[in-house]
Amino acid sequence: MKKRQQGVALVEFAFVLPLLLILSLVCAELGRAVYRYNTTAKTVRNAVRYLSVQTPGTHVVEARNMILYGNVAGTGTLLDPALTAANVPAPTWQTAGSDPLMNTVTIRVSGYQFRPLMANMFGARFAVISFNDISATMRSPL
């Protein structure tokens, strides 16, 4: 009986290994997607914070550069290669209330998609993840 059991664990491991690899890659890609989303949300908050202390209608390019490059000059490499200027529409300024009158500024990133590193592995297809609009609104003291 003992001789017939030799090598069974190796065969079972060979059957389970592809499933374990797919599961670990899915977890890693999901972690990357959440990281990219959080980084983009943080840059949107920084850009709206920057615009909230500027005169309404000005410094739009600098705010867009903050989202794309992480600085107002627009130098260096893109923070996220999947994010382009086309994903960042012009910010909007609004007034609300009557006494006191309150100005707000809103920045939005739309059409943001996360592309996984591997599109196909062991027959499992990793789809592109499309996120909802990422937006931030902040009160402007001006």
N, C-alpha and C. Protein backbone atom coordinates (compact mmCIF):
# COMPACT_ATOMS: atom_id res chain seq x y z
N MET A 1 0.83 -1.19 0.00
CA MET A 1 0.00 0.00 0.00
C MET A 1 0.87 1.25 0.00
N LYS A 2 1.99 1.20 0.73
CA LYS A 2 2.86 2.35 0.83
C LYS A 2 3.49 2.70 -0.51
N LYS A 3 3.83 1.71 -1.31
CA LYS A 3 4.46 1.96 -2.60
C LYS A 3 3.49 2.62 -3.57
N ARG A 4 2.20 2.33 -3.46
CA ARG A 4 1.23 2.92 -4.37
C ARG A 4 0.96 4.39 -4.05
N GLN A 5 1.32 4.87 -2.88
CA GLN A 5 1.07 6.25 -2.47
C GLN A 5 2.24 7.18 -2.82
N GLN A 6 3.35 6.63 -3.24
CA GLN A 6 4.50 7.47 -3.55
C GLN A 6 4.19 8.34 -4.77
N GLY A 7 4.49 9.65 -4.63
CA GLY A 7 4.30 10.59 -5.74
C GLY A 7 2.91 11.18 -5.84
N VAL A 8 1.98 10.74 -5.02
CA VAL A 8 0.60 11.26 -5.08
C VAL A 8 0.56 12.73 -4.69
N ALA A 9 1.33 13.11 -3.68
CA ALA A 9 1.34 14.51 -3.25
C ALA A 9 1.89 15.41 -4.35
N LEU A 10 2.87 14.94 -5.08
CA LEU A 10 3.44 15.73 -6.18
C LEU A 10 2.42 15.91 -7.30
N VAL A 11 1.67 14.90 -7.61
CA VAL A 11 0.64 15.00 -8.64
C VAL A 11 -0.47 15.95 -8.20
N GLU A 12 -0.88 15.86 -6.94
CA GLU A 12 -1.91 16.77 -6.42
C GLU A 12 -1.42 18.22 -6.45
N PHE A 13 -0.16 18.42 -6.09
CA PHE A 13 0.41 19.77 -6.14
C PHE A 13 0.44 20.30 -7.56
N ALA A 14 0.75 19.44 -8.52
CA ALA A 14 0.77 19.86 -9.93
C ALA A 14 -0.62 20.27 -10.40
N PHE A 15 -1.66 19.64 -9.88
CA PHE A 15 -3.02 20.02 -10.24
C PHE A 15 -3.44 21.35 -9.61
N VAL A 16 -2.98 21.61 -8.40
CA VAL A 16 -3.41 22.79 -7.65
C VAL A 16 -2.56 24.02 -7.96
N LEU A 17 -1.33 23.84 -8.43
CA LEU A 17 -0.41 24.96 -8.67
C LEU A 17 -0.97 26.03 -9.61
N PRO A 18 -1.55 25.70 -10.77
CA PRO A 18 -2.10 26.76 -11.62
C PRO A 18 -3.18 27.59 -10.92
N LEU A 19 -4.03 26.94 -10.15
CA LEU A 19 -5.06 27.66 -9.42
C LEU A 19 -4.45 28.61 -8.39
N LEU A 20 -3.43 28.15 -7.69
CA LEU A 20 -2.76 29.01 -6.71
C LEU A 20 -2.07 30.20 -7.38
N LEU A 21 -1.45 29.98 -8.53
CA LEU A 21 -0.81 31.07 -9.27
C LEU A 21 -1.83 32.10 -9.73
N ILE A 22 -2.93 31.64 -10.28
CA ILE A 22 -3.98 32.57 -10.74
C ILE A 22 -4.53 33.36 -9.56
N LEU A 23 -4.79 32.70 -8.45
CA LEU A 23 -5.33 33.38 -7.27
C LEU A 23 -4.36 34.43 -6.75
N SER A 24 -3.08 34.12 -6.70
CA SER A 24 -2.11 35.10 -6.20
C SER A 24 -1.95 36.27 -7.17
N LEU A 25 -1.99 36.02 -8.47
CA LEU A 25 -1.89 37.11 -9.44
C LEU A 25 -3.13 38.01 -9.41
N VAL A 26 -4.30 37.41 -9.23
CA VAL A 26 -5.52 38.22 -9.13
C VAL A 26 -5.46 39.12 -7.90
N CYS A 27 -4.99 38.59 -6.79
CA CYS A 27 -4.86 39.40 -5.58
C CYS A 27 -3.85 40.53 -5.77
N ALA A 28 -2.74 40.24 -6.43
CA ALA A 28 -1.72 41.27 -6.67
C ALA A 28 -2.26 42.36 -7.60
N GLU A 29 -2.97 41.97 -8.65
CA GLU A 29 -3.51 42.96 -9.59
C GLU A 29 -4.61 43.80 -8.93
N LEU A 30 -5.42 43.18 -8.09
CA LEU A 30 -6.44 43.94 -7.37
C LEU A 30 -5.79 44.94 -6.43
N GLY A 31 -4.72 44.53 -5.77
CA GLY A 31 -3.98 45.46 -4.92
C GLY A 31 -3.40 46.62 -5.71
N ARG A 32 -2.86 46.34 -6.89
CA ARG A 32 -2.34 47.42 -7.74
C ARG A 32 -3.46 48.37 -8.18
N ALA A 33 -4.63 47.82 -8.49
CA ALA A 33 -5.75 48.65 -8.92
C ALA A 33 -6.19 49.59 -7.79
N VAL A 34 -6.29 49.07 -6.58
CA VAL A 34 -6.68 49.90 -5.44
C VAL A 34 -5.62 50.96 -5.17
N TYR A 35 -4.34 50.60 -5.28
CA TYR A 35 -3.26 51.57 -5.09
C TYR A 35 -3.34 52.70 -6.12
N ARG A 36 -3.55 52.35 -7.39
CA ARG A 36 -3.64 53.38 -8.44
C ARG A 36 -4.85 54.29 -8.22
N TYR A 37 -5.98 53.70 -7.84
CA TYR A 37 -7.18 54.49 -7.58
C TYR A 37 -6.93 55.47 -6.43
N ASN A 38 -6.35 54.99 -5.34
CA ASN A 38 -6.09 55.85 -4.19
C ASN A 38 -5.09 56.95 -4.52
N THR A 39 -4.08 56.64 -5.30
CA THR A 39 -3.11 57.66 -5.71
C THR A 39 -3.78 58.73 -6.55
N THR A 40 -4.63 58.32 -7.48
CA THR A 40 -5.34 59.29 -8.31
C THR A 40 -6.30 60.13 -7.47
N ALA A 41 -7.00 59.52 -6.54
CA ALA A 41 -7.91 60.28 -5.67
C ALA A 41 -7.15 61.29 -4.82
N LYS A 42 -5.98 60.91 -4.36
CA LYS A 42 -5.16 61.84 -3.56
C LYS A 42 -4.69 63.02 -4.40
N THR A 43 -4.27 62.77 -5.63
CA THR A 43 -3.82 63.88 -6.48
C THR A 43 -4.98 64.79 -6.86
N VAL A 44 -6.17 64.24 -7.01
CA VAL A 44 -7.35 65.08 -7.29
C VAL A 44 -7.64 65.97 -6.08
N ARG A 45 -7.55 65.43 -4.89
CA ARG A 45 -7.75 66.26 -3.68
C ARG A 45 -6.69 67.34 -3.56
N ASN A 46 -5.44 67.02 -3.88
CA ASN A 46 -4.39 68.03 -3.84
C ASN A 46 -4.64 69.13 -4.87
N ALA A 47 -5.08 68.76 -6.06
CA ALA A 47 -5.34 69.74 -7.10
C ALA A 47 -6.51 70.65 -6.74
N VAL A 48 -7.57 70.10 -6.16
CA VAL A 48 -8.71 70.95 -5.77
C VAL A 48 -8.33 71.84 -4.59
N ARG A 49 -7.47 71.36 -3.72
CA ARG A 49 -6.98 72.18 -2.63
C ARG A 49 -6.16 73.37 -3.18
N TYR A 50 -5.35 73.09 -4.19
CA TYR A 50 -4.55 74.14 -4.84
C TYR A 50 -5.47 75.17 -5.50
N LEU A 51 -6.49 74.71 -6.22
CA LEU A 51 -7.39 75.64 -6.91
C LEU A 51 -8.29 76.42 -5.96
N SER A 52 -8.54 75.88 -4.79
CA SER A 52 -9.46 76.56 -3.87
C SER A 52 -8.90 77.88 -3.36
N VAL A 53 -7.60 78.05 -3.40
CA VAL A 53 -7.01 79.32 -2.94
C VAL A 53 -6.61 80.22 -4.09
N GLN A 54 -6.97 79.85 -5.34
CA GLN A 54 -6.67 80.66 -6.52
C GLN A 54 -7.91 81.42 -6.94
N THR A 55 -7.70 82.41 -7.78
CA THR A 55 -8.83 83.15 -8.36
C THR A 55 -9.61 82.21 -9.27
N PRO A 56 -10.96 82.19 -9.17
CA PRO A 56 -11.75 81.28 -10.01
C PRO A 56 -11.47 81.47 -11.50
N GLY A 57 -11.30 80.36 -12.20
CA GLY A 57 -11.05 80.38 -13.63
C GLY A 57 -9.58 80.44 -14.01
N THR A 58 -8.69 80.48 -13.03
CA THR A 58 -7.27 80.56 -13.34
C THR A 58 -6.56 79.30 -12.85
N HIS A 59 -5.35 79.12 -13.29
CA HIS A 59 -4.46 78.03 -12.86
C HIS A 59 -5.03 76.64 -13.15
N VAL A 60 -5.80 76.54 -14.22
CA VAL A 60 -6.39 75.25 -14.60
C VAL A 60 -5.31 74.28 -15.07
N VAL A 61 -4.38 74.77 -15.87
CA VAL A 61 -3.31 73.90 -16.39
C VAL A 61 -2.44 73.39 -15.25
N GLU A 62 -2.15 74.25 -14.27
CA GLU A 62 -1.33 73.82 -13.14
C GLU A 62 -2.03 72.72 -12.34
N ALA A 63 -3.35 72.86 -12.16
CA ALA A 63 -4.10 71.85 -11.42
C ALA A 63 -4.10 70.52 -12.18
N ARG A 64 -4.25 70.60 -13.50
CA ARG A 64 -4.21 69.38 -14.31
C ARG A 64 -2.82 68.73 -14.22
N ASN A 65 -1.77 69.55 -14.21
CA ASN A 65 -0.42 69.01 -14.07
C ASN A 65 -0.22 68.33 -12.71
N MET A 66 -0.85 68.87 -11.68
CA MET A 66 -0.75 68.24 -10.36
C MET A 66 -1.36 66.84 -10.38
N ILE A 67 -2.44 66.67 -11.11
CA ILE A 67 -3.08 65.36 -11.19
C ILE A 67 -2.23 64.40 -12.02
N LEU A 68 -1.69 64.88 -13.12
CA LEU A 68 -0.95 64.00 -14.02
C LEU A 68 0.49 63.74 -13.58
N TYR A 69 1.18 64.80 -13.12
CA TYR A 69 2.61 64.69 -12.83
C TYR A 69 2.96 64.82 -11.34
N GLY A 70 2.04 65.32 -10.55
CA GLY A 70 2.32 65.49 -9.13
C GLY A 70 2.96 66.83 -8.80
N ASN A 71 3.13 67.71 -9.80
CA ASN A 71 3.67 69.04 -9.56
C ASN A 71 3.01 70.03 -10.51
N VAL A 72 3.05 71.32 -10.17
CA VAL A 72 2.37 72.33 -10.98
C VAL A 72 3.09 72.61 -12.29
N ALA A 73 4.40 72.32 -12.36
CA ALA A 73 5.15 72.61 -13.58
C ALA A 73 4.89 71.59 -14.68
N GLY A 74 4.43 70.42 -14.34
CA GLY A 74 4.18 69.39 -15.34
C GLY A 74 5.45 68.73 -15.82
N THR A 75 6.43 68.62 -14.96
CA THR A 75 7.71 68.01 -15.33
C THR A 75 7.82 66.62 -14.73
N GLY A 76 8.67 65.83 -15.31
CA GLY A 76 8.88 64.47 -14.81
C GLY A 76 8.02 63.48 -15.55
N THR A 77 7.92 62.30 -14.99
CA THR A 77 7.12 61.24 -15.61
C THR A 77 5.70 61.28 -15.07
N LEU A 78 4.80 60.70 -15.83
CA LEU A 78 3.40 60.62 -15.40
C LEU A 78 3.29 59.75 -14.16
N LEU A 79 2.43 60.15 -13.23
CA LEU A 79 2.21 59.34 -12.04
C LEU A 79 1.54 58.02 -12.40
N ASP A 80 0.65 58.06 -13.37
CA ASP A 80 -0.05 56.87 -13.83
C ASP A 80 -0.08 56.90 -15.35
N PRO A 81 0.58 55.97 -16.02
CA PRO A 81 0.61 55.99 -17.49
C PRO A 81 -0.76 55.85 -18.14
N ALA A 82 -1.74 55.30 -17.44
CA ALA A 82 -3.08 55.13 -17.99
C ALA A 82 -3.89 56.42 -17.92
N LEU A 83 -3.39 57.43 -17.23
CA LEU A 83 -4.11 58.68 -17.04
C LEU A 83 -3.55 59.73 -17.99
N THR A 84 -4.43 60.37 -18.76
CA THR A 84 -4.01 61.41 -19.70
C THR A 84 -4.78 62.69 -19.43
N ALA A 85 -4.38 63.75 -20.11
CA ALA A 85 -5.07 65.04 -19.95
C ALA A 85 -6.52 64.97 -20.41
N ALA A 86 -6.82 64.06 -21.32
CA ALA A 86 -8.20 63.90 -21.77
C ALA A 86 -9.10 63.36 -20.66
N ASN A 87 -8.53 62.71 -19.66
CA ASN A 87 -9.31 62.20 -18.54
C ASN A 87 -9.63 63.27 -17.50
N VAL A 88 -9.03 64.45 -17.64
CA VAL A 88 -9.21 65.51 -16.64
C VAL A 88 -9.91 66.70 -17.30
N PRO A 89 -11.25 66.76 -17.24
CA PRO A 89 -11.94 67.91 -17.82
C PRO A 89 -11.69 69.17 -16.99
N ALA A 90 -12.07 70.30 -17.55
CA ALA A 90 -11.87 71.58 -16.86
C ALA A 90 -12.63 71.59 -15.54
N PRO A 91 -12.02 72.16 -14.50
CA PRO A 91 -12.72 72.25 -13.22
C PRO A 91 -13.90 73.21 -13.30
N THR A 92 -14.82 73.06 -12.36
CA THR A 92 -16.00 73.93 -12.32
C THR A 92 -16.04 74.69 -11.01
N TRP A 93 -16.40 75.95 -11.09
CA TRP A 93 -16.59 76.79 -9.91
C TRP A 93 -18.07 77.08 -9.79
N GLN A 94 -18.58 77.04 -8.56
CA GLN A 94 -19.99 77.31 -8.31
C GLN A 94 -20.12 78.18 -7.07
N THR A 95 -21.21 78.91 -7.02
CA THR A 95 -21.54 79.66 -5.81
C THR A 95 -22.80 79.05 -5.22
N ALA A 96 -22.86 79.03 -3.92
CA ALA A 96 -24.01 78.46 -3.22
C ALA A 96 -24.31 79.30 -2.00
N GLY A 97 -25.54 79.23 -1.56
CA GLY A 97 -25.92 79.95 -0.35
C GLY A 97 -26.22 81.42 -0.64
N SER A 98 -26.68 82.10 0.40
CA SER A 98 -26.99 83.52 0.24
C SER A 98 -26.31 84.37 1.30
N ASP A 99 -26.26 83.87 2.51
CA ASP A 99 -25.62 84.66 3.56
C ASP A 99 -24.91 83.73 4.52
N PRO A 100 -23.68 83.48 4.38
CA PRO A 100 -22.72 84.07 3.44
C PRO A 100 -22.72 83.32 2.11
N LEU A 101 -22.28 83.99 1.07
CA LEU A 101 -22.12 83.39 -0.24
C LEU A 101 -20.89 82.49 -0.21
N MET A 102 -21.04 81.27 -0.67
CA MET A 102 -19.94 80.31 -0.59
C MET A 102 -19.54 79.89 -2.01
N ASN A 103 -18.25 79.97 -2.31
CA ASN A 103 -17.72 79.52 -3.59
C ASN A 103 -17.14 78.13 -3.42
N THR A 104 -17.39 77.27 -4.40
CA THR A 104 -16.79 75.93 -4.38
C THR A 104 -16.13 75.66 -5.72
N VAL A 105 -15.14 74.79 -5.70
CA VAL A 105 -14.47 74.36 -6.92
C VAL A 105 -14.48 72.83 -6.92
N THR A 106 -14.73 72.25 -8.10
CA THR A 106 -14.80 70.80 -8.25
C THR A 106 -13.88 70.37 -9.38
N ILE A 107 -13.09 69.34 -9.11
CA ILE A 107 -12.24 68.73 -10.14
C ILE A 107 -12.66 67.27 -10.25
N ARG A 108 -12.64 66.79 -11.48
CA ARG A 108 -13.10 65.43 -11.76
C ARG A 108 -12.12 64.73 -12.69
N VAL A 109 -11.92 63.45 -12.47
CA VAL A 109 -11.21 62.58 -13.40
C VAL A 109 -12.23 61.58 -13.90
N SER A 110 -12.44 61.54 -15.20
CA SER A 110 -13.46 60.64 -15.75
C SER A 110 -12.83 59.71 -16.77
N GLY A 111 -13.44 58.55 -16.93
CA GLY A 111 -12.98 57.57 -17.90
C GLY A 111 -11.67 56.90 -17.52
N TYR A 112 -11.35 56.85 -16.23
CA TYR A 112 -10.10 56.23 -15.79
C TYR A 112 -10.23 54.72 -15.81
N GLN A 113 -9.30 54.05 -16.46
CA GLN A 113 -9.31 52.59 -16.55
C GLN A 113 -7.98 52.03 -16.08
N PHE A 114 -8.05 50.97 -15.33
CA PHE A 114 -6.86 50.26 -14.88
C PHE A 114 -6.64 49.07 -15.79
N ARG A 115 -5.45 48.98 -16.34
CA ARG A 115 -5.10 47.85 -17.21
C ARG A 115 -4.13 46.93 -16.46
N PRO A 116 -4.50 45.66 -16.28
CA PRO A 116 -3.62 44.74 -15.57
C PRO A 116 -2.35 44.45 -16.37
N LEU A 117 -1.32 44.01 -15.68
CA LEU A 117 -0.06 43.69 -16.35
C LEU A 117 -0.20 42.51 -17.29
N MET A 118 -0.93 41.50 -16.87
CA MET A 118 -1.13 40.32 -17.70
C MET A 118 -2.60 40.22 -18.09
N ALA A 119 -2.86 40.19 -19.37
CA ALA A 119 -4.25 40.13 -19.83
C ALA A 119 -4.78 38.69 -19.83
N ASN A 120 -3.90 37.71 -19.96
CA ASN A 120 -4.36 36.34 -20.06
C ASN A 120 -3.29 35.42 -19.45
N MET A 121 -3.72 34.55 -18.55
CA MET A 121 -2.79 33.61 -17.95
C MET A 121 -3.52 32.32 -17.62
N PHE A 122 -3.00 31.21 -18.08
CA PHE A 122 -3.61 29.90 -17.87
C PHE A 122 -5.07 29.86 -18.32
N GLY A 123 -5.40 30.64 -19.32
CA GLY A 123 -6.77 30.66 -19.81
C GLY A 123 -7.70 31.60 -19.07
N ALA A 124 -7.24 32.23 -17.99
CA ALA A 124 -8.06 33.19 -17.26
C ALA A 124 -7.79 34.59 -17.82
N ARG A 125 -8.83 35.29 -18.19
CA ARG A 125 -8.69 36.63 -18.75
C ARG A 125 -8.88 37.67 -17.65
N PHE A 126 -7.92 38.59 -17.54
CA PHE A 126 -8.01 39.69 -16.59
C PHE A 126 -8.55 40.89 -17.35
N ALA A 127 -9.73 41.33 -17.01
CA ALA A 127 -10.38 42.41 -17.73
C ALA A 127 -9.87 43.77 -17.25
N VAL A 128 -10.05 44.77 -18.11
CA VAL A 128 -9.75 46.15 -17.76
C VAL A 128 -10.79 46.59 -16.73
N ILE A 129 -10.34 47.27 -15.68
CA ILE A 129 -11.24 47.75 -14.64
C ILE A 129 -11.54 49.22 -14.91
N SER A 130 -12.80 49.54 -15.14
CA SER A 130 -13.22 50.93 -15.36
C SER A 130 -13.75 51.49 -14.05
N PHE A 131 -13.13 52.57 -13.59
CA PHE A 131 -13.55 53.19 -12.35
C PHE A 131 -14.60 54.26 -12.62
N ASN A 132 -15.43 54.53 -11.64
CA ASN A 132 -16.34 55.66 -11.71
C ASN A 132 -15.53 56.95 -11.68
N ASP A 133 -16.20 58.06 -11.93
CA ASP A 133 -15.52 59.35 -11.87
C ASP A 133 -14.94 59.58 -10.48
N ILE A 134 -13.72 60.09 -10.45
CA ILE A 134 -13.08 60.45 -9.19
C ILE A 134 -13.17 61.97 -9.11
N SER A 135 -13.83 62.49 -8.10
CA SER A 135 -13.99 63.93 -8.01
C SER A 135 -13.80 64.41 -6.58
N ALA A 136 -13.48 65.68 -6.50
CA ALA A 136 -13.33 66.31 -5.19
C ALA A 136 -13.86 67.74 -5.29
N THR A 137 -14.53 68.19 -4.25
CA THR A 137 -15.06 69.54 -4.18
C THR A 137 -14.56 70.18 -2.90
N MET A 138 -14.15 71.44 -3.02
CA MET A 138 -13.65 72.13 -1.84
C MET A 138 -14.17 73.58 -1.85
N ARG A 139 -14.39 74.08 -0.70
CA ARG A 139 -14.84 75.45 -0.54
C ARG A 139 -13.69 76.40 -0.81
N SER A 140 -14.00 77.45 -1.52
CA SER A 140 -12.99 78.46 -1.85
C SER A 140 -13.23 79.70 -1.00
N PRO A 141 -12.19 80.22 -0.34
CA PRO A 141 -12.41 81.38 0.52
C PRO A 141 -12.56 82.69 -0.26
N LEU A 142 -12.32 82.65 -1.57
CA LEU A 142 -12.39 83.89 -2.37
C LEU A 142 -13.80 84.25 -2.75
